[in-house]
Each structure stands twice: as structure tokens, then as C-alpha cells.
């Protein structure tokens, strides 16, 4: 498939028209399945270390996903070799 540079505007218009008819707002929302809510004071090595025994994570054993509610992240640093 090829597209002439002059037809990009038309393509954009057609995509927007198609989307407005065939895609609703509910379909555009990303769903994130969270395992549990934890609070900042619970985010310690002692509490989270049992997760190491659940490895390796992959397709059949997904890595757990947590939510830190009402938390402000001031910086991010890479720790470890993963």
C-alpha cells in the first residue's frame, strides 16, 4: 500500500470519520489489572522479599502489579541488574 503525500490530509479525515462512527470512548480506555493496593509504609524489602520466591515471571506467571495510592514519586533510579 502506498500513499501520496498530498493525500495524507484525506487519510486523516477518513480515519477520524471511521473512528467517530465505529469506536466509542469505552473502547479507548486502557484497563490495568492491579493485584493489590499498598501504602508507602508497606513498601519495604522485608514485606516484598517473598515475591522473589515467585520468580521467574513470564507469560504463565505474570509479575505482580501494585498501586501506591496518594504517593508522590520524586525520582526514579535503576537498582539491580534486571
PDB file of N, CA and C in Angstrom:
ATOM      1  N   UNK A   1       0.846  -1.170   0.000  1.00  0.00           N
ATOM      2  CA  UNK A   1       0.000   0.000   0.000  1.00  0.00           C
ATOM      3  C   UNK A   1       0.892   1.233   0.000  1.00  0.00           C
ATOM      4  N   UNK A   2       0.512   2.193  -0.777  1.00  0.00           N
ATOM      5  CA  UNK A   2       1.265   3.442  -0.812  1.00  0.00           C
ATOM      6  C   UNK A   2       0.303   4.614  -0.698  1.00  0.00           C
ATOM      7  N   UNK A   3       0.854   5.742  -0.328  1.00  0.00           N
ATOM      8  CA  UNK A   3       0.049   6.937  -0.114  1.00  0.00           C
ATOM      9  C   UNK A   3       0.825   8.146  -0.610  1.00  0.00           C
ATOM     10  N   UNK A   4       0.174   8.931  -1.448  1.00  0.00           N
ATOM     11  CA  UNK A   4       0.812  10.152  -1.921  1.00  0.00           C
ATOM     12  C   UNK A   4       0.798  11.176  -0.793  1.00  0.00           C
ATOM     13  N   UNK A   5       1.846  11.939  -0.691  1.00  0.00           N
ATOM     14  CA  UNK A   5       1.987  12.933   0.371  1.00  0.00           C
ATOM     15  C   UNK A   5       0.808  13.904   0.383  1.00  0.00           C
ATOM     16  N   UNK A   6       0.268  14.207  -0.780  1.00  0.00           N
ATOM     17  CA  UNK A   6      -0.869  15.138  -0.869  1.00  0.00           C
ATOM     18  C   UNK A   6      -2.157  14.550  -0.302  1.00  0.00           C
ATOM     19  N   UNK A   7      -2.205  13.227  -0.141  1.00  0.00           N
ATOM     20  CA  UNK A   7      -3.425  12.570   0.338  1.00  0.00           C
ATOM     21  C   UNK A   7      -3.433  12.315   1.837  1.00  0.00           C
ATOM     22  N   UNK A   8      -2.403  12.730   2.552  1.00  0.00           N
ATOM     23  CA  UNK A   8      -2.337  12.498   3.997  1.00  0.00           C
ATOM     24  C   UNK A   8      -3.510  13.164   4.713  1.00  0.00           C
ATOM     25  N   UNK A   9      -3.854  14.380   4.326  1.00  0.00           N
ATOM     26  CA  UNK A   9      -4.992  15.077   4.926  1.00  0.00           C
ATOM     27  C   UNK A   9      -6.292  14.316   4.736  1.00  0.00           C
ATOM     28  N   UNK A  10      -6.499  13.777   3.548  1.00  0.00           N
ATOM     29  CA  UNK A  10      -7.708  12.993   3.265  1.00  0.00           C
ATOM     30  C   UNK A  10      -7.726  11.722   4.107  1.00  0.00           C
ATOM     31  N   UNK A  11      -6.580  11.060   4.191  1.00  0.00           N
ATOM     32  CA  UNK A  11      -6.497   9.847   5.015  1.00  0.00           C
ATOM     33  C   UNK A  11      -6.832  10.160   6.465  1.00  0.00           C
ATOM     34  N   UNK A  12      -6.281  11.241   6.987  1.00  0.00           N
ATOM     35  CA  UNK A  12      -6.561  11.640   8.364  1.00  0.00           C
ATOM     36  C   UNK A  12      -8.056  11.880   8.567  1.00  0.00           C
ATOM     37  N   UNK A  13      -8.680  12.577   7.603  1.00  0.00           N
ATOM     38  CA  UNK A  13     -10.121  12.855   7.677  1.00  0.00           C
ATOM     39  C   UNK A  13     -10.925  11.554   7.678  1.00  0.00           C
ATOM     40  N   UNK A  14     -10.572  10.623   6.803  1.00  0.00           N
ATOM     41  CA  UNK A  14     -11.289   9.346   6.722  1.00  0.00           C
ATOM     42  C   UNK A  14     -11.120   8.515   7.991  1.00  0.00           C
ATOM     43  N   UNK A  15      -9.923   8.527   8.563  1.00  0.00           N
ATOM     44  CA  UNK A  15      -9.684   7.784   9.813  1.00  0.00           C
ATOM     45  C   UNK A  15     -10.513   8.376  10.943  1.00  0.00           C
ATOM     46  N   UNK A  16     -10.554   9.695  11.030  1.00  0.00           N
ATOM     47  CA  UNK A  16     -11.347  10.349  12.079  1.00  0.00           C
ATOM     48  C   UNK A  16     -12.832  10.051  11.918  1.00  0.00           C
ATOM     49  N   UNK A  17     -13.330  10.077  10.690  1.00  0.00           N
ATOM     50  CA  UNK A  17     -14.738   9.759  10.438  1.00  0.00           C
ATOM     51  C   UNK A  17     -15.044   8.319  10.837  1.00  0.00           C
ATOM     52  N   UNK A  18     -14.195   7.402  10.404  1.00  0.00           N
ATOM     53  CA  UNK A  18     -14.387   5.992  10.730  1.00  0.00           C
ATOM     54  C   UNK A  18     -14.376   5.789  12.248  1.00  0.00           C
ATOM     55  N   UNK A  19     -13.408   6.415  12.914  1.00  0.00           N
ATOM     56  CA  UNK A  19     -13.274   6.274  14.356  1.00  0.00           C
ATOM     57  C   UNK A  19     -14.492   6.804  15.093  1.00  0.00           C
ATOM     58  N   UNK A  20     -15.002   7.944  14.672  1.00  0.00           N
ATOM     59  CA  UNK A  20     -16.149   8.537  15.371  1.00  0.00           C
ATOM     60  C   UNK A  20     -17.397   7.673  15.239  1.00  0.00           C
ATOM     61  N   UNK A  21     -17.488   6.900  14.170  1.00  0.00           N
ATOM     62  CA  UNK A  21     -18.649   6.027  13.956  1.00  0.00           C
ATOM     63  C   UNK A  21     -18.467   4.669  14.623  1.00  0.00           C
ATOM     64  N   UNK A  22     -17.261   4.115  14.575  1.00  0.00           N
ATOM     65  CA  UNK A  22     -17.038   2.719  14.969  1.00  0.00           C
ATOM     66  C   UNK A  22     -16.346   2.498  16.302  1.00  0.00           C
ATOM     67  N   UNK A  23     -15.806   3.544  16.910  1.00  0.00           N
ATOM     68  CA  UNK A  23     -15.086   3.377  18.174  1.00  0.00           C
ATOM     69  C   UNK A  23     -15.702   4.288  19.220  1.00  0.00           C
ATOM     70  N   UNK A  24     -16.111   3.712  20.352  1.00  0.00           N
ATOM     71  CA  UNK A  24     -16.680   4.539  21.420  1.00  0.00           C
ATOM     72  C   UNK A  24     -15.638   4.800  22.503  1.00  0.00           C
ATOM     73  N   UNK A  25     -15.930   5.730  23.388  1.00  0.00           N
ATOM     74  CA  UNK A  25     -14.977   6.127  24.434  1.00  0.00           C
ATOM     75  C   UNK A  25     -14.563   4.957  25.317  1.00  0.00           C
ATOM     76  N   UNK A  26     -15.484   4.050  25.574  1.00  0.00           N
ATOM     77  CA  UNK A  26     -15.189   2.916  26.447  1.00  0.00           C
ATOM     78  C   UNK A  26     -14.092   2.034  25.832  1.00  0.00           C
ATOM     79  N   UNK A  27     -14.064   1.939  24.520  1.00  0.00           N
ATOM     80  CA  UNK A  27     -13.074   1.107  23.844  1.00  0.00           C
ATOM     81  C   UNK A  27     -11.677   1.725  23.868  1.00  0.00           C
ATOM     82  N   UNK A  28     -11.571   3.004  24.123  1.00  0.00           N
ATOM     83  CA  UNK A  28     -10.266   3.658  24.112  1.00  0.00           C
ATOM     84  C   UNK A  28      -9.624   3.727  25.487  1.00  0.00           C
ATOM     85  N   UNK A  29     -10.323   3.287  26.510  1.00  0.00           N
ATOM     86  CA  UNK A  29      -9.771   3.314  27.857  1.00  0.00           C
ATOM     87  C   UNK A  29      -8.868   2.107  28.065  1.00  0.00           C
ATOM     88  N   UNK A  30      -7.695   2.355  28.617  1.00  0.00           N
ATOM     89  CA  UNK A  30      -6.775   1.273  28.913  1.00  0.00           C
ATOM     90  C   UNK A  30      -7.138   0.681  30.272  1.00  0.00           C
ATOM     91  N   UNK A  31      -7.242  -0.623  30.316  1.00  0.00           N
ATOM     92  CA  UNK A  31      -7.556  -1.324  31.554  1.00  0.00           C
ATOM     93  C   UNK A  31      -6.265  -1.910  32.110  1.00  0.00           C
ATOM     94  N   UNK A  32      -5.980  -1.602  33.366  1.00  0.00           N
ATOM     95  CA  UNK A  32      -4.805  -2.144  34.040  1.00  0.00           C
ATOM     96  C   UNK A  32      -5.299  -2.994  35.201  1.00  0.00           C
ATOM     97  N   UNK A  33      -4.961  -4.257  35.171  1.00  0.00           N
ATOM     98  CA  UNK A  33      -5.361  -5.160  36.240  1.00  0.00           C
ATOM     99  C   UNK A  33      -4.318  -5.111  37.347  1.00  0.00           C
ATOM    100  N   UNK A  34      -4.725  -4.603  38.496  1.00  0.00           N
ATOM    101  CA  UNK A  34      -3.839  -4.416  39.637  1.00  0.00           C
ATOM    102  C   UNK A  34      -4.065  -5.549  40.623  1.00  0.00           C
ATOM    103  N   UNK A  35      -2.969  -6.063  41.170  1.00  0.00           N
ATOM    104  CA  UNK A  35      -3.092  -7.152  42.135  1.00  0.00           C
ATOM    105  C   UNK A  35      -3.541  -6.662  43.501  1.00  0.00           C
ATOM    106  N   UNK A  36      -2.980  -5.559  43.957  1.00  0.00           N
ATOM    107  CA  UNK A  36      -3.383  -5.046  45.268  1.00  0.00           C
ATOM    108  C   UNK A  36      -2.921  -3.610  45.461  1.00  0.00           C
ATOM    109  N   UNK A  37      -3.562  -2.948  46.378  1.00  0.00           N
ATOM    110  CA  UNK A  37      -3.195  -1.593  46.785  1.00  0.00           C
ATOM    111  C   UNK A  37      -2.267  -1.709  47.984  1.00  0.00           C
ATOM    112  N   UNK A  38      -1.133  -1.007  47.920  1.00  0.00           N
ATOM    113  CA  UNK A  38      -0.259  -0.965  49.092  1.00  0.00           C
ATOM    114  C   UNK A  38       0.034   0.490  49.428  1.00  0.00           C
ATOM    115  N   UNK A  39       0.359   0.706  50.658  1.00  0.00           N
ATOM    116  CA  UNK A  39       0.668   2.052  51.131  1.00  0.00           C
ATOM    117  C   UNK A  39       2.187   2.202  51.231  1.00  0.00           C
ATOM    118  N   UNK A  40       2.652   3.441  51.185  1.00  0.00           N
ATOM    119  CA  UNK A  40       4.089   3.702  51.153  1.00  0.00           C
ATOM    120  C   UNK A  40       4.822   3.043  52.322  1.00  0.00           C
ATOM    121  N   UNK A  41       4.222   3.012  53.503  1.00  0.00           N
ATOM    122  CA  UNK A  41       4.909   2.407  54.654  1.00  0.00           C
ATOM    123  C   UNK A  41       5.024   0.884  54.526  1.00  0.00           C
ATOM    124  N   UNK A  42       4.268   0.283  53.615  1.00  0.00           N
ATOM    125  CA  UNK A  42       4.336  -1.160  53.391  1.00  0.00           C
ATOM    126  C   UNK A  42       5.381  -1.532  52.340  1.00  0.00           C
ATOM    127  N   UNK A  43       5.944  -0.564  51.673  1.00  0.00           N
ATOM    128  CA  UNK A  43       6.885  -0.790  50.586  1.00  0.00           C
ATOM    129  C   UNK A  43       8.285  -0.970  51.167  1.00  0.00           C
ATOM    130  N   UNK A  44       8.515  -2.126  51.778  1.00  0.00           N
ATOM    131  CA  UNK A  44       9.815  -2.416  52.388  1.00  0.00           C
ATOM    132  C   UNK A  44      10.362  -3.727  51.830  1.00  0.00           C
ATOM    133  N   UNK A  45      11.648  -3.898  51.939  1.00  0.00           N
ATOM    134  CA  UNK A  45      12.289  -5.124  51.471  1.00  0.00           C
ATOM    135  C   UNK A  45      11.739  -6.330  52.215  1.00  0.00           C
ATOM    136  N   UNK A  46      11.528  -6.190  53.509  1.00  0.00           N
ATOM    137  CA  UNK A  46      11.037  -7.314  54.313  1.00  0.00           C
ATOM    138  C   UNK A  46       9.668  -7.784  53.850  1.00  0.00           C
ATOM    139  N   UNK A  47       8.803  -6.857  53.527  1.00  0.00           N
ATOM    140  CA  UNK A  47       7.441  -7.217  53.115  1.00  0.00           C
ATOM    141  C   UNK A  47       7.415  -7.747  51.686  1.00  0.00           C
ATOM    142  N   UNK A  48       8.234  -7.164  50.810  1.00  0.00           N
ATOM    143  CA  UNK A  48       8.187  -7.539  49.400  1.00  0.00           C
ATOM    144  C   UNK A  48       9.138  -8.675  49.021  1.00  0.00           C
ATOM    145  N   UNK A  49      10.068  -9.044  49.893  1.00  0.00           N
ATOM    146  CA  UNK A  49      11.051 -10.082  49.547  1.00  0.00           C
ATOM    147  C   UNK A  49      10.423 -11.443  49.222  1.00  0.00           C
ATOM    148  N   UNK A  50       9.290 -11.823  49.814  1.00  0.00           N
ATOM    149  CA  UNK A  50       8.685 -13.109  49.408  1.00  0.00           C
ATOM    150  C   UNK A  50       8.333 -13.185  47.922  1.00  0.00           C
ATOM    151  N   UNK A  51       8.222 -12.039  47.259  1.00  0.00           N
ATOM    152  CA  UNK A  51       7.935 -12.045  45.823  1.00  0.00           C
ATOM    153  C   UNK A  51       9.077 -12.672  45.041  1.00  0.00           C
ATOM    154  N   UNK A  52      10.285 -12.615  45.580  1.00  0.00           N
ATOM    155  CA  UNK A  52      11.434 -13.221  44.908  1.00  0.00           C
ATOM    156  C   UNK A  52      11.233 -14.720  44.713  1.00  0.00           C
ATOM    157  N   UNK A  53      10.504 -15.347  45.595  1.00  0.00           N
ATOM    158  CA  UNK A  53      10.259 -16.788  45.515  1.00  0.00           C
ATOM    159  C   UNK A  53       9.232 -17.137  44.450  1.00  0.00           C
ATOM    160  N   UNK A  54       8.546 -16.134  43.935  1.00  0.00           N
ATOM    161  CA  UNK A  54       7.533 -16.362  42.904  1.00  0.00           C
ATOM    162  C   UNK A  54       8.140 -16.324  41.498  1.00  0.00           C
ATOM    163  N   UNK A  55       9.403 -15.910  41.386  1.00  0.00           N
ATOM    164  CA  UNK A  55      10.061 -15.834  40.083  1.00  0.00           C
ATOM    165  C   UNK A  55      10.332 -17.223  39.536  1.00  0.00           C
ATOM    166  N   UNK A  56      10.543 -17.405  38.261  1.00  0.00           N
ATOM    167  CA  UNK A  56      10.653 -16.368  37.234  1.00  0.00           C
ATOM    168  C   UNK A  56       9.270 -15.933  36.749  1.00  0.00           C
ATOM    169  N   UNK A  57       9.170 -14.668  36.435  1.00  0.00           N
ATOM    170  CA  UNK A  57       7.932 -14.128  35.899  1.00  0.00           C
ATOM    171  C   UNK A  57       7.962 -14.242  34.385  1.00  0.00           C
ATOM    172  N   UNK A  58       6.816 -14.466  33.812  1.00  0.00           N
ATOM    173  CA  UNK A  58       6.711 -14.605  32.363  1.00  0.00           C
ATOM    174  C   UNK A  58       5.264 -14.734  31.958  1.00  0.00           C
ATOM    175  N   UNK A  59       5.033 -15.349  30.812  1.00  0.00           N
ATOM    176  CA  UNK A  59       3.683 -15.434  30.254  1.00  0.00           C
ATOM    177  C   UNK A  59       2.712 -16.167  31.188  1.00  0.00           C
ATOM    178  N   UNK A  60       3.121 -17.281  31.743  1.00  0.00           N
ATOM    179  CA  UNK A  60       2.239 -18.071  32.608  1.00  0.00           C
ATOM    180  C   UNK A  60       2.274 -17.606  34.068  1.00  0.00           C
ATOM    181  N   UNK A  61       3.220 -16.764  34.410  1.00  0.00           N
ATOM    182  CA  UNK A  61       3.373 -16.287  35.784  1.00  0.00           C
ATOM    183  C   UNK A  61       3.724 -14.800  35.746  1.00  0.00           C
ATOM    184  N   UNK A  62       2.701 -13.983  35.586  1.00  0.00           N
ATOM    185  CA  UNK A  62       2.938 -12.558  35.417  1.00  0.00           C
ATOM    186  C   UNK A  62       3.444 -11.906  36.700  1.00  0.00           C
ATOM    187  N   UNK A  63       4.306 -10.926  36.514  1.00  0.00           N
ATOM    188  CA  UNK A  63       4.844 -10.171  37.635  1.00  0.00           C
ATOM    189  C   UNK A  63       3.706  -9.392  38.291  1.00  0.00           C
ATOM    190  N   UNK A  64       3.641  -9.388  39.629  1.00  0.00           N
ATOM    191  CA  UNK A  64       2.547  -8.679  40.301  1.00  0.00           C
ATOM    192  C   UNK A  64       2.625  -7.174  40.065  1.00  0.00           C
ATOM    193  N   UNK A  65       1.461  -6.551  40.050  1.00  0.00           N
ATOM    194  CA  UNK A  65       1.369  -5.112  39.842  1.00  0.00           C
ATOM    195  C   UNK A  65       0.669  -4.490  41.040  1.00  0.00           C
ATOM    196  N   UNK A  66       1.330  -3.511  41.655  1.00  0.00           N
ATOM    197  CA  UNK A  66       0.799  -2.857  42.843  1.00  0.00           C
ATOM    198  C   UNK A  66       0.466  -1.402  42.545  1.00  0.00           C
ATOM    199  N   UNK A  67      -0.431  -0.863  43.325  1.00  0.00           N
ATOM    200  CA  UNK A  67      -0.769   0.558  43.248  1.00  0.00           C
ATOM    201  C   UNK A  67      -0.327   1.216  44.537  1.00  0.00           C
ATOM    202  N   UNK A  68       0.433   2.287  44.404  1.00  0.00           N
ATOM    203  CA  UNK A  68       0.781   3.125  45.547  1.00  0.00           C
ATOM    204  C   UNK A  68      -0.142   4.338  45.480  1.00  0.00           C
ATOM    205  N   UNK A  69      -1.151   4.344  46.314  1.00  0.00           N
ATOM    206  CA  UNK A  69      -2.143   5.417  46.278  1.00  0.00           C
ATOM    207  C   UNK A  69      -1.684   6.611  47.108  1.00  0.00           C
ATOM    208  N   UNK A  70      -2.023   7.807  46.636  1.00  0.00           N
ATOM    209  CA  UNK A  70      -1.682   9.056  47.324  1.00  0.00           C
ATOM    210  C   UNK A  70      -0.186   9.151  47.599  1.00  0.00           C
ATOM    211  N   UNK A  71       0.608   8.803  46.594  1.00  0.00           N
ATOM    212  CA  UNK A  71       2.062   8.832  46.723  1.00  0.00           C
ATOM    213  C   UNK A  71       2.638   9.719  45.628  1.00  0.00           C
ATOM    214  N   UNK A  72       3.603  10.530  45.984  1.00  0.00           N
ATOM    215  CA  UNK A  72       4.279  11.376  45.013  1.00  0.00           C
ATOM    216  C   UNK A  72       5.669  10.797  44.773  1.00  0.00           C
ATOM    217  N   UNK A  73       5.986  10.508  43.525  1.00  0.00           N
ATOM    218  CA  UNK A  73       7.301   9.978  43.169  1.00  0.00           C
ATOM    219  C   UNK A  73       8.195  11.158  42.833  1.00  0.00           C
ATOM    220  N   UNK A  74       9.250  11.317  43.606  1.00  0.00           N
ATOM    221  CA  UNK A  74      10.155  12.445  43.411  1.00  0.00           C
ATOM    222  C   UNK A  74      11.294  12.117  42.464  1.00  0.00           C
ATOM    223  N   UNK A  75      11.712  10.846  42.402  1.00  0.00           N
ATOM    224  CA  UNK A  75      12.774  10.456  41.478  1.00  0.00           C
ATOM    225  C   UNK A  75      12.692   8.949  41.244  1.00  0.00           C
ATOM    226  N   UNK A  76      13.317   8.520  40.180  1.00  0.00           N
ATOM    227  CA  UNK A  76      13.348   7.099  39.819  1.00  0.00           C
ATOM    228  C   UNK A  76      14.802   6.726  39.562  1.00  0.00           C
ATOM    229  N   UNK A  77      15.228   5.610  40.134  1.00  0.00           N
ATOM    230  CA  UNK A  77      16.584   5.126  39.941  1.00  0.00           C
ATOM    231  C   UNK A  77      16.557   3.646  39.606  1.00  0.00           C
ATOM    232  N   UNK A  78      17.421   3.214  38.703  1.00  0.00           N
ATOM    233  CA  UNK A  78      17.533   1.803  38.378  1.00  0.00           C
ATOM    234  C   UNK A  78      18.358   1.124  39.470  1.00  0.00           C
ATOM    235  N   UNK A  79      17.826   0.021  39.980  1.00  0.00           N
ATOM    236  CA  UNK A  79      18.504  -0.728  41.033  1.00  0.00           C
ATOM    237  C   UNK A  79      18.618  -2.179  40.579  1.00  0.00           C
ATOM    238  N   UNK A  80      19.776  -2.762  40.721  1.00  0.00           N
ATOM    239  CA  UNK A  80      19.951  -4.158  40.348  1.00  0.00           C
ATOM    240  C   UNK A  80      20.323  -4.332  38.888  1.00  0.00           C
ATOM    241  N   UNK A  81      20.303  -5.589  38.448  1.00  0.00           N
ATOM    242  CA  UNK A  81      20.747  -5.907  37.094  1.00  0.00           C
ATOM    243  C   UNK A  81      19.617  -6.177  36.126  1.00  0.00           C
ATOM    244  N   UNK A  82      18.383  -6.222  36.561  1.00  0.00           N
ATOM    245  CA  UNK A  82      17.251  -6.557  35.678  1.00  0.00           C
ATOM    246  C   UNK A  82      16.838  -5.394  34.844  1.00  0.00           C
TER     247      UNK A  82
END
